[in-house]
Amino acid sequence: MSAAKPVDISFEFFPPRNEGGEAGLHKTVESLRELRPDYCSVTYGAGGSTRDGTMKTVCKIQSIGVDTAAHLSMGDESKENIGSMLGEYSDAGVRRIVALRGDAASGMGGPSTQYAEQLVRFIRDHSGDHFHVTVAAYPETHPDAVSPEADMEFFKRKVEAGADAAITQYFYNPSAYYDFVERARAAGISVPIIPGIMPITNFQSLARFSERAGADVPRWLGKRLESMEDDAAGLQEFGLNVVSKLCEELIANGVPGLHFYTLNRAKATKAIVHNLGLRQPAA
């Protein structure tokens, strides 16, 4: 496979929970850094549960010369805390924020009553145009949305609040993405909408995560993966081919980039990028 034209790529990580996780993430970042990503991003736990870990990880990756985006959510955070974090990120050379609604911390009653639109407005009021702000989009409709139309209205409000771009929840049916972009353009939304890509390496983990995230695993794909549960190598090869073909089709249809949910592992993401011919080794 080969890409029809150069396309931006970015990689998402989560902050490690212990020293072993830090060492593993360091190896992953160094491995994926060879692919010269346009940027990386680091997630932010529910209710600010990874606040310090997220900031430490963002600043560490940024310090080695990789443009890094900090995920940030209103959640249970005060405006004072959000403003303080924005200042620290600015001082560290971070110029990208992924602004999310976020969820309340475990045991705190479910989803946050705050919305990403409020966070985007706060970032713009606090920091002007200093940060490139990305928001989330849901081609298969956010699991909490009452309808696709209501979900699109929330998306439009985030963009109108000052978002520069969007990254989608992952999907395996490209028609869902094309339909979402078409509806967004019809609604007057013109920002780049970047597909989120989830490599497939384990069926049970994918099924659990997809159920929580509201991402659809097509029946044919789920059945094939389920039938290969006892063949780890075969499942991973099959998953690699499926996701590589998905990315190839998306690129052929002119997507502005690909954002890989790495789960802090390099192997599958690196193989997909190599399959697509997106990045050649540095000279």
C-alpha atoms as a PDB file:
ATOM      1  CA  MET A   1       0.000   0.000   0.000  1.00  0.00           C
ATOM      2  CA  SER A   2       1.083   3.590  -0.511  1.00  0.00           C
ATOM      3  CA  ALA A   3      -0.448   6.930   0.276  1.00  0.00           C
ATOM      4  CA  ALA A   4      -1.717   8.997  -2.616  1.00  0.00           C
ATOM      5  CA  LYS A   5      -0.235  12.117  -1.046  1.00  0.00           C
ATOM      6  CA  PRO A   6       1.420  13.150   2.221  1.00  0.00           C
ATOM      7  CA  VAL A   7      -0.993  13.260   5.131  1.00  0.00           C
ATOM      8  CA  ASP A   8      -0.582  14.505   8.688  1.00  0.00           C
ATOM      9  CA  ILE A   9      -0.285  11.860  11.380  1.00  0.00           C
ATOM     10  CA  SER A  10      -0.528  12.176  15.139  1.00  0.00           C
ATOM     11  CA  PHE A  11      -0.285   9.753  18.040  1.00  0.00           C
ATOM     12  CA  GLU A  12      -2.230   9.682  21.289  1.00  0.00           C
ATOM     13  CA  PHE A  13      -0.835   8.433  24.615  1.00  0.00           C
ATOM     14  CA  PHE A  14      -2.141   8.228  28.165  1.00  0.00           C
ATOM     15  CA  PRO A  15      -0.090   9.225  31.233  1.00  0.00           C
ATOM     16  CA  PRO A  16       1.630   6.190  32.815  1.00  0.00           C
ATOM     17  CA  ARG A  17       0.536   5.078  36.270  1.00  0.00           C
ATOM     18  CA  ASN A  18       3.892   3.888  37.619  1.00  0.00           C
ATOM     19  CA  GLU A  19       7.625   3.725  36.872  1.00  0.00           C
ATOM     20  CA  GLY A  20       7.203   0.645  34.708  1.00  0.00           C
ATOM     21  CA  GLY A  21       4.592   2.459  32.672  1.00  0.00           C
ATOM     22  CA  GLU A  22       6.890   5.461  32.329  1.00  0.00           C
ATOM     23  CA  ALA A  23       9.676   3.283  30.965  1.00  0.00           C
ATOM     24  CA  GLY A  24       7.288   1.601  28.546  1.00  0.00           C
ATOM     25  CA  LEU A  25       5.876   4.888  27.315  1.00  0.00           C
ATOM     26  CA  HIS A  26       9.379   6.289  26.832  1.00  0.00           C
ATOM     27  CA  LYS A  27      10.212   3.351  24.535  1.00  0.00           C
ATOM     28  CA  THR A  28       6.951   3.808  22.650  1.00  0.00           C
ATOM     29  CA  VAL A  29       7.497   7.533  22.147  1.00  0.00           C
ATOM     30  CA  GLU A  30      11.061   6.998  20.950  1.00  0.00           C
ATOM     31  CA  SER A  31       9.915   4.290  18.537  1.00  0.00           C
ATOM     32  CA  LEU A  32       7.053   6.328  17.087  1.00  0.00           C
ATOM     33  CA  ARG A  33       9.156   9.485  17.037  1.00  0.00           C
ATOM     34  CA  GLU A  34      11.077   7.918  14.145  1.00  0.00           C
ATOM     35  CA  LEU A  35       7.917   8.389  12.055  1.00  0.00           C
ATOM     36  CA  ARG A  36       8.127  12.167  12.507  1.00  0.00           C
ATOM     37  CA  PRO A  37       4.542  12.756  13.661  1.00  0.00           C
ATOM     38  CA  ASP A  38       3.079  16.200  13.213  1.00  0.00           C
ATOM     39  CA  TYR A  39       2.256  16.086  16.913  1.00  0.00           C
ATOM     40  CA  CYS A  40       1.391  13.772  19.792  1.00  0.00           C
ATOM     41  CA  SER A  41      -1.293  14.154  22.443  1.00  0.00           C
ATOM     42  CA  VAL A  42      -1.709  13.007  26.051  1.00  0.00           C
ATOM     43  CA  THR A  43      -5.080  12.183  27.603  1.00  0.00           C
ATOM     44  CA  TYR A  44      -6.623  13.629  30.749  1.00  0.00           C
ATOM     45  CA  GLY A  45      -8.375  11.329  33.224  1.00  0.00           C
ATOM     46  CA  ALA A  46     -11.966  11.647  34.408  1.00  0.00           C
ATOM     47  CA  GLY A  47     -12.421  14.411  36.938  1.00  0.00           C
ATOM     48  CA  GLY A  48      -8.825  15.535  36.516  1.00  0.00           C
ATOM     49  CA  SER A  49      -7.604  12.243  37.997  1.00  0.00           C
ATOM     50  CA  THR A  50      -4.426  12.330  35.898  1.00  0.00           C
ATOM     51  CA  ARG A  51      -3.889  16.102  36.053  1.00  0.00           C
ATOM     52  CA  ASP A  52      -0.304  15.947  37.316  1.00  0.00           C
ATOM     53  CA  GLY A  53       0.580  12.880  35.253  1.00  0.00           C
ATOM     54  CA  THR A  54      -0.812  14.444  32.101  1.00  0.00           C
ATOM     55  CA  MET A  55       1.140  17.648  32.598  1.00  0.00           C
ATOM     56  CA  LYS A  56       4.355  15.782  33.418  1.00  0.00           C
ATOM     57  CA  THR A  57       3.995  13.565  30.338  1.00  0.00           C
ATOM     58  CA  VAL A  58       3.064  16.429  27.992  1.00  0.00           C
ATOM     59  CA  CYS A  59       5.995  18.560  29.123  1.00  0.00           C
ATOM     60  CA  LYS A  60       8.420  15.634  28.914  1.00  0.00           C
ATOM     61  CA  ILE A  61       7.480  14.769  25.330  1.00  0.00           C
ATOM     62  CA  GLN A  62       7.458  18.437  24.356  1.00  0.00           C
ATOM     63  CA  SER A  63      10.949  18.833  25.825  1.00  0.00           C
ATOM     64  CA  ILE A  64      12.433  16.221  23.480  1.00  0.00           C
ATOM     65  CA  GLY A  65      11.296  18.187  20.447  1.00  0.00           C
ATOM     66  CA  VAL A  66       7.949  16.547  19.641  1.00  0.00           C
ATOM     67  CA  ASP A  67       5.057  18.986  19.330  1.00  0.00           C
ATOM     68  CA  THR A  68       2.606  17.817  21.996  1.00  0.00           C
ATOM     69  CA  ALA A  69      -1.060  18.535  22.665  1.00  0.00           C
ATOM     70  CA  ALA A  70      -2.444  18.466  26.191  1.00  0.00           C
ATOM     71  CA  HIS A  71      -5.915  17.024  26.636  1.00  0.00           C
ATOM     72  CA  LEU A  72      -7.943  19.147  29.028  1.00  0.00           C
ATOM     73  CA  SER A  73     -11.505  18.972  30.302  1.00  0.00           C
ATOM     74  CA  MET A  74     -13.712  21.141  32.484  1.00  0.00           C
ATOM     75  CA  GLY A  75     -14.982  18.125  34.425  1.00  0.00           C
ATOM     76  CA  ASP A  76     -14.816  19.136  38.080  1.00  0.00           C
ATOM     77  CA  GLU A  77     -12.015  21.648  37.518  1.00  0.00           C
ATOM     78  CA  SER A  78     -12.280  25.274  38.619  1.00  0.00           C
ATOM     79  CA  LYS A  79     -11.566  28.064  36.167  1.00  0.00           C
ATOM     80  CA  GLU A  80      -8.593  28.985  38.358  1.00  0.00           C
ATOM     81  CA  ASN A  81      -7.087  25.516  37.914  1.00  0.00           C
ATOM     82  CA  ILE A  82      -7.735  25.546  34.171  1.00  0.00           C
ATOM     83  CA  GLY A  83      -6.118  28.973  33.843  1.00  0.00           C
ATOM     84  CA  SER A  84      -3.116  27.869  35.881  1.00  0.00           C
ATOM     85  CA  MET A  85      -2.618  24.809  33.690  1.00  0.00           C
ATOM     86  CA  LEU A  86      -2.878  26.870  30.528  1.00  0.00           C
ATOM     87  CA  GLY A  87      -0.182  29.155  31.867  1.00  0.00           C
ATOM     88  CA  GLU A  88       2.109  26.243  32.738  1.00  0.00           C
ATOM     89  CA  TYR A  89       1.622  24.681  29.330  1.00  0.00           C
ATOM     90  CA  SER A  90       2.364  27.979  27.610  1.00  0.00           C
ATOM     91  CA  ASP A  91       5.551  28.386  29.650  1.00  0.00           C
ATOM     92  CA  ALA A  92       6.617  24.859  28.621  1.00  0.00           C
ATOM     93  CA  GLY A  93       6.249  25.674  24.922  1.00  0.00           C
ATOM     94  CA  VAL A  94       3.009  23.724  24.435  1.00  0.00           C
ATOM     95  CA  ARG A  95       0.831  25.285  21.739  1.00  0.00           C
ATOM     96  CA  ARG A  96      -1.906  22.678  21.342  1.00  0.00           C
ATOM     97  CA  ILE A  97      -4.904  21.790  23.525  1.00  0.00           C
ATOM     98  CA  VAL A  98      -7.474  19.046  22.959  1.00  0.00           C
ATOM     99  CA  ALA A  99     -10.569  20.457  24.699  1.00  0.00           C
ATOM    100  CA  LEU A 100     -13.079  17.890  25.965  1.00  0.00           C
ATOM    101  CA  ARG A 101     -16.188  17.784  28.103  1.00  0.00           C
ATOM    102  CA  GLY A 102     -14.697  15.175  30.362  1.00  0.00           C
ATOM    103  CA  ASP A 103     -16.407  13.035  32.955  1.00  0.00           C
ATOM    104  CA  ALA A 104     -16.702  13.346  36.697  1.00  0.00           C
ATOM    105  CA  ALA A 105     -14.284  11.290  38.767  1.00  0.00           C
ATOM    106  CA  SER A 106     -15.341   7.748  39.669  1.00  0.00           C
ATOM    107  CA  GLY A 107     -18.073   7.816  42.294  1.00  0.00           C
ATOM    108  CA  MET A 108     -18.941  11.456  41.619  1.00  0.00           C
ATOM    109  CA  GLY A 109     -22.195  10.877  39.775  1.00  0.00           C
ATOM    110  CA  GLY A 110     -21.429  10.311  36.110  1.00  0.00           C
ATOM    111  CA  PRO A 111     -20.881  12.788  33.275  1.00  0.00           C
ATOM    112  CA  SER A 112     -19.776  16.313  33.957  1.00  0.00           C
ATOM    113  CA  THR A 113     -22.400  19.037  33.753  1.00  0.00           C
ATOM    114  CA  GLN A 114     -19.834  21.175  31.936  1.00  0.00           C
ATOM    115  CA  TYR A 115     -19.481  21.107  28.157  1.00  0.00           C
ATOM    116  CA  ALA A 116     -16.477  21.358  25.875  1.00  0.00           C
ATOM    117  CA  GLU A 117     -17.978  24.508  24.356  1.00  0.00           C
ATOM    118  CA  GLN A 118     -17.466  26.251  27.720  1.00  0.00           C
ATOM    119  CA  LEU A 119     -13.859  25.114  27.889  1.00  0.00           C
ATOM    120  CA  VAL A 120     -13.110  26.306  24.349  1.00  0.00           C
ATOM    121  CA  ARG A 121     -14.561  29.726  25.168  1.00  0.00           C
ATOM    122  CA  PHE A 122     -12.545  29.891  28.377  1.00  0.00           C
ATOM    123  CA  ILE A 123      -9.314  29.016  26.552  1.00  0.00           C
ATOM    124  CA  ARG A 124      -9.944  31.749  23.982  1.00  0.00           C
ATOM    125  CA  ASP A 125     -10.839  34.300  26.676  1.00  0.00           C
ATOM    126  CA  HIS A 126      -7.779  33.363  28.731  1.00  0.00           C
ATOM    127  CA  SER A 127      -5.134  32.774  26.058  1.00  0.00           C
ATOM    128  CA  GLY A 128      -6.454  34.290  22.856  1.00  0.00           C
ATOM    129  CA  ASP A 129      -5.071  32.483  19.806  1.00  0.00           C
ATOM    130  CA  HIS A 130      -1.979  31.163  21.589  1.00  0.00           C
ATOM    131  CA  PHE A 131      -3.256  27.566  21.471  1.00  0.00           C
ATOM    132  CA  HIS A 132      -4.411  25.492  18.533  1.00  0.00           C
ATOM    133  CA  VAL A 133      -7.613  24.015  19.975  1.00  0.00           C
ATOM    134  CA  THR A 134      -8.973  20.652  18.853  1.00  0.00           C
ATOM    135  CA  VAL A 135     -12.304  19.183  19.932  1.00  0.00           C
ATOM    136  CA  ALA A 136     -13.921  15.756  19.667  1.00  0.00           C
ATOM    137  CA  ALA A 137     -16.388  14.601  17.013  1.00  0.00           C
ATOM    138  CA  TYR A 138     -18.539  11.465  16.870  1.00  0.00           C
ATOM    139  CA  PRO A 139     -19.338  10.057  13.417  1.00  0.00           C
ATOM    140  CA  GLU A 140     -21.550   7.369  14.976  1.00  0.00           C
ATOM    141  CA  THR A 141     -23.135   9.881  17.420  1.00  0.00           C
ATOM    142  CA  HIS A 142     -22.019  10.551  20.986  1.00  0.00           C
ATOM    143  CA  PRO A 143     -23.454   7.882  23.330  1.00  0.00           C
ATOM    144  CA  ASP A 144     -25.092  10.584  25.491  1.00  0.00           C
ATOM    145  CA  ALA A 145     -26.671  12.469  22.570  1.00  0.00           C
ATOM    146  CA  VAL A 146     -30.440  12.291  22.166  1.00  0.00           C
ATOM    147  CA  SER A 147     -30.116  12.286  18.368  1.00  0.00           C
ATOM    148  CA  PRO A 148     -27.567  12.740  15.561  1.00  0.00           C
ATOM    149  CA  GLU A 149     -29.006  16.207  14.970  1.00  0.00           C
ATOM    150  CA  ALA A 150     -28.518  17.230  18.602  1.00  0.00           C
ATOM    151  CA  ASP A 151     -24.988  15.834  18.543  1.00  0.00           C
ATOM    152  CA  MET A 152     -24.174  17.872  15.443  1.00  0.00           C
ATOM    153  CA  GLU A 153     -25.524  21.001  17.139  1.00  0.00           C
ATOM    154  CA  PHE A 154     -23.187  20.438  20.100  1.00  0.00           C
ATOM    155  CA  PHE A 155     -20.298  19.973  17.669  1.00  0.00           C
ATOM    156  CA  LYS A 156     -21.179  23.181  15.819  1.00  0.00           C
ATOM    157  CA  ARG A 157     -21.280  25.137  19.085  1.00  0.00           C
ATOM    158  CA  LYS A 158     -17.798  23.897  20.009  1.00  0.00           C
ATOM    159  CA  VAL A 159     -16.446  25.040  16.671  1.00  0.00           C
ATOM    160  CA  GLU A 160     -18.194  28.405  16.884  1.00  0.00           C
ATOM    161  CA  ALA A 161     -16.680  28.854  20.355  1.00  0.00           C
ATOM    162  CA  GLY A 162     -13.235  28.856  18.739  1.00  0.00           C
ATOM    163  CA  ALA A 163     -12.089  25.329  17.903  1.00  0.00           C
ATOM    164  CA  ASP A 164      -9.544  24.996  15.093  1.00  0.00           C
ATOM    165  CA  ALA A 165     -10.044  21.316  14.268  1.00  0.00           C
ATOM    166  CA  ALA A 166     -11.701  18.101  15.417  1.00  0.00           C
ATOM    167  CA  ILE A 167     -10.596  14.521  15.985  1.00  0.00           C
ATOM    168  CA  THR A 168     -13.213  11.802  15.690  1.00  0.00           C
ATOM    169  CA  GLN A 169     -13.956   8.823  17.840  1.00  0.00           C
ATOM    170  CA  TYR A 170     -12.554   5.759  16.064  1.00  0.00           C
ATOM    171  CA  PHE A 171     -14.730   3.846  13.618  1.00  0.00           C
ATOM    172  CA  TYR A 172     -14.417   0.887  11.256  1.00  0.00           C
ATOM    173  CA  ASN A 173     -17.137   1.888   8.799  1.00  0.00           C
ATOM    174  CA  PRO A 174     -15.779   4.742   6.651  1.00  0.00           C
ATOM    175  CA  SER A 175     -19.284   5.621   5.476  1.00  0.00           C
ATOM    176  CA  ALA A 176     -20.031   6.854   9.002  1.00  0.00           C
ATOM    177  CA  TYR A 177     -17.164   9.335   8.687  1.00  0.00           C
ATOM    178  CA  TYR A 178     -18.131  10.488   5.192  1.00  0.00           C
ATOM    179  CA  ASP A 179     -21.740  11.006   6.279  1.00  0.00           C
ATOM    180  CA  PHE A 180     -20.653  12.967   9.359  1.00  0.00           C
ATOM    181  CA  VAL A 181     -18.374  15.265   7.368  1.00  0.00           C
ATOM    182  CA  GLU A 182     -21.077  15.852   4.768  1.00  0.00           C
ATOM    183  CA  ARG A 183     -23.583  16.795   7.478  1.00  0.00           C
ATOM    184  CA  ALA A 184     -21.020  19.011   9.205  1.00  0.00           C
ATOM    185  CA  ARG A 185     -20.284  20.899   5.992  1.00  0.00           C
ATOM    186  CA  ALA A 186     -24.017  21.303   5.365  1.00  0.00           C
ATOM    187  CA  ALA A 187     -24.287  22.794   8.866  1.00  0.00           C
ATOM    188  CA  GLY A 188     -21.613  25.377   8.001  1.00  0.00           C
ATOM    189  CA  ILE A 189     -18.747  23.691   9.857  1.00  0.00           C
ATOM    190  CA  SER A 190     -15.518  24.087   7.889  1.00  0.00           C
ATOM    191  CA  VAL A 191     -12.734  23.028  10.299  1.00  0.00           C
ATOM    192  CA  PRO A 192     -10.615  19.945   9.488  1.00  0.00           C
ATOM    193  CA  ILE A 193     -12.233  16.754  10.831  1.00  0.00           C
ATOM    194  CA  ILE A 194      -9.472  14.230  11.430  1.00  0.00           C
ATOM    195  CA  PRO A 195     -10.348  10.520  11.665  1.00  0.00           C
ATOM    196  CA  GLY A 196      -9.380   8.767  14.882  1.00  0.00           C
ATOM    197  CA  ILE A 197      -7.807   5.359  14.196  1.00  0.00           C
ATOM    198  CA  MET A 198      -7.779   2.450  16.641  1.00  0.00           C
ATOM    199  CA  PRO A 199      -5.420  -0.423  15.741  1.00  0.00           C
ATOM    200  CA  ILE A 200      -6.853  -3.901  16.411  1.00  0.00           C
ATOM    201  CA  THR A 201      -4.723  -6.209  18.554  1.00  0.00           C
ATOM    202  CA  ASN A 202      -7.180  -7.883  20.969  1.00  0.00           C
ATOM    203  CA  PHE A 203     -10.867  -8.619  20.441  1.00  0.00           C
ATOM    204  CA  GLN A 204     -12.099  -8.628  24.048  1.00  0.00           C
ATOM    205  CA  SER A 205     -10.371  -5.348  24.881  1.00  0.00           C
ATOM    206  CA  LEU A 206     -11.713  -3.752  21.708  1.00  0.00           C
ATOM    207  CA  ALA A 207     -15.255  -4.963  22.433  1.00  0.00           C
ATOM    208  CA  ARG A 208     -15.235  -3.616  25.995  1.00  0.00           C
ATOM    209  CA  PHE A 209     -13.722  -0.284  25.026  1.00  0.00           C
ATOM    210  CA  SER A 210     -16.069   0.148  22.063  1.00  0.00           C
ATOM    211  CA  GLU A 211     -19.142  -0.489  24.201  1.00  0.00           C
ATOM    212  CA  ARG A 212     -18.098   2.221  26.659  1.00  0.00           C
ATOM    213  CA  ALA A 213     -17.100   4.667  23.922  1.00  0.00           C
ATOM    214  CA  GLY A 214     -20.147   4.187  21.726  1.00  0.00           C
ATOM    215  CA  ALA A 215     -18.015   3.006  18.791  1.00  0.00           C
ATOM    216  CA  ASP A 216     -19.514   0.378  16.502  1.00  0.00           C
ATOM    217  CA  VAL A 217     -17.633  -2.817  15.657  1.00  0.00           C
ATOM    218  CA  PRO A 218     -19.402  -4.098  12.508  1.00  0.00           C
ATOM    219  CA  ARG A 219     -20.865  -7.570  12.934  1.00  0.00           C
ATOM    220  CA  TRP A 220     -18.704  -9.119  10.239  1.00  0.00           C
ATOM    221  CA  LEU A 221     -15.576  -7.716  11.845  1.00  0.00           C
ATOM    222  CA  GLY A 222     -16.565  -8.740  15.347  1.00  0.00           C
ATOM    223  CA  LYS A 223     -17.345 -12.297  14.202  1.00  0.00           C
ATOM    224  CA  ARG A 224     -14.012 -12.628  12.405  1.00  0.00           C
ATOM    225  CA  LEU A 225     -12.089 -11.336  15.405  1.00  0.00           C
ATOM    226  CA  GLU A 226     -14.038 -13.542  17.814  1.00  0.00           C
ATOM    227  CA  SER A 227     -13.237 -16.607  15.720  1.00  0.00           C
ATOM    228  CA  MET A 228      -9.513 -15.808  15.945  1.00  0.00           C
ATOM    229  CA  GLU A 229      -9.292 -15.277  19.713  1.00  0.00           C
ATOM    230  CA  ASP A 230      -7.085 -18.350  20.135  1.00  0.00           C
ATOM    231  CA  ASP A 231      -4.735 -17.231  17.362  1.00  0.00           C
ATOM    232  CA  ALA A 232      -3.136 -14.026  18.652  1.00  0.00           C
ATOM    233  CA  ALA A 233      -0.690 -13.707  15.758  1.00  0.00           C
ATOM    234  CA  GLY A 234      -3.394 -14.332  13.156  1.00  0.00           C
ATOM    235  CA  LEU A 235      -5.771 -11.865  14.803  1.00  0.00           C
ATOM    236  CA  GLN A 236      -3.119  -9.166  14.898  1.00  0.00           C
ATOM    237  CA  GLU A 237      -2.217  -9.715  11.246  1.00  0.00           C
ATOM    238  CA  PHE A 238      -5.877  -9.610  10.265  1.00  0.00           C
ATOM    239  CA  GLY A 239      -6.473  -6.485  12.365  1.00  0.00           C
ATOM    240  CA  LEU A 240      -3.443  -4.819  10.823  1.00  0.00           C
ATOM    241  CA  ASN A 241      -4.751  -5.457   7.310  1.00  0.00           C
ATOM    242  CA  VAL A 242      -8.282  -4.253   8.155  1.00  0.00           C
ATOM    243  CA  VAL A 243      -7.108  -0.970   9.689  1.00  0.00           C
ATOM    244  CA  SER A 244      -4.478  -0.388   6.996  1.00  0.00           C
ATOM    245  CA  LYS A 245      -7.151  -0.749   4.287  1.00  0.00           C
ATOM    246  CA  LEU A 246      -9.454   1.587   6.208  1.00  0.00           C
ATOM    247  CA  CYS A 247      -6.714   4.215   6.392  1.00  0.00           C
ATOM    248  CA  GLU A 248      -5.820   3.766   2.743  1.00  0.00           C
ATOM    249  CA  GLU A 249      -9.419   4.416   1.713  1.00  0.00           C
ATOM    250  CA  LEU A 250      -9.678   7.449   3.977  1.00  0.00           C
ATOM    251  CA  ILE A 251      -6.485   8.924   2.542  1.00  0.00           C
ATOM    252  CA  ALA A 252      -7.692   8.290  -1.011  1.00  0.00           C
ATOM    253  CA  ASN A 253     -10.794  10.274  -0.129  1.00  0.00           C
ATOM    254  CA  GLY A 254      -8.787  13.278   1.019  1.00  0.00           C
ATOM    255  CA  VAL A 255      -8.842  13.195   4.826  1.00  0.00           C
ATOM    256  CA  PRO A 256      -6.738  15.948   6.451  1.00  0.00           C
ATOM    257  CA  GLY A 257      -4.858  13.541   8.710  1.00  0.00           C
ATOM    258  CA  LEU A 258      -4.943  10.387  10.811  1.00  0.00           C
ATOM    259  CA  HIS A 259      -4.885  10.373  14.620  1.00  0.00           C
ATOM    260  CA  PHE A 260      -3.817   7.031  16.090  1.00  0.00           C
ATOM    261  CA  TYR A 261      -5.006   5.847  19.495  1.00  0.00           C
ATOM    262  CA  THR A 262      -1.815   3.973  20.381  1.00  0.00           C
ATOM    263  CA  LEU A 263      -2.760   2.707  23.882  1.00  0.00           C
ATOM    264  CA  ASN A 264       0.913   3.426  24.671  1.00  0.00           C
ATOM    265  CA  ARG A 265       2.117   0.699  22.314  1.00  0.00           C
ATOM    266  CA  ALA A 266       4.087   1.272  19.149  1.00  0.00           C
ATOM    267  CA  LYS A 267       4.073  -1.968  17.147  1.00  0.00           C
ATOM    268  CA  ALA A 268       0.634  -1.941  15.503  1.00  0.00           C
ATOM    269  CA  THR A 269       0.561   1.804  14.818  1.00  0.00           C
ATOM    270  CA  LYS A 270       4.060   1.710  13.364  1.00  0.00           C
ATOM    271  CA  ALA A 271       3.146  -1.218  11.101  1.00  0.00           C
ATOM    272  CA  ILE A 272       0.054   0.591   9.783  1.00  0.00           C
ATOM    273  CA  VAL A 273       1.999   3.767   9.035  1.00  0.00           C
ATOM    274  CA  HIS A 274       4.668   1.722   7.248  1.00  0.00           C
ATOM    275  CA  ASN A 275       1.983  -0.176   5.270  1.00  0.00           C
ATOM    276  CA  LEU A 276       0.631   3.133   4.065  1.00  0.00           C
ATOM    277  CA  GLY A 277       4.026   4.532   3.137  1.00  0.00           C
ATOM    278  CA  LEU A 278       3.256   7.691   5.103  1.00  0.00           C
ATOM    279  CA  ARG A 279       6.693   8.210   6.542  1.00  0.00           C
ATOM    280  CA  GLN A 280      10.106   7.137   5.323  1.00  0.00           C
ATOM    281  CA  PRO A 281      12.980   6.756   7.795  1.00  0.00           C
ATOM    282  CA  ALA A 282      14.916   9.955   8.375  1.00  0.00           C
ATOM    283  CA  ALA A 283      18.088  10.202   6.315  1.00  0.00           C
END
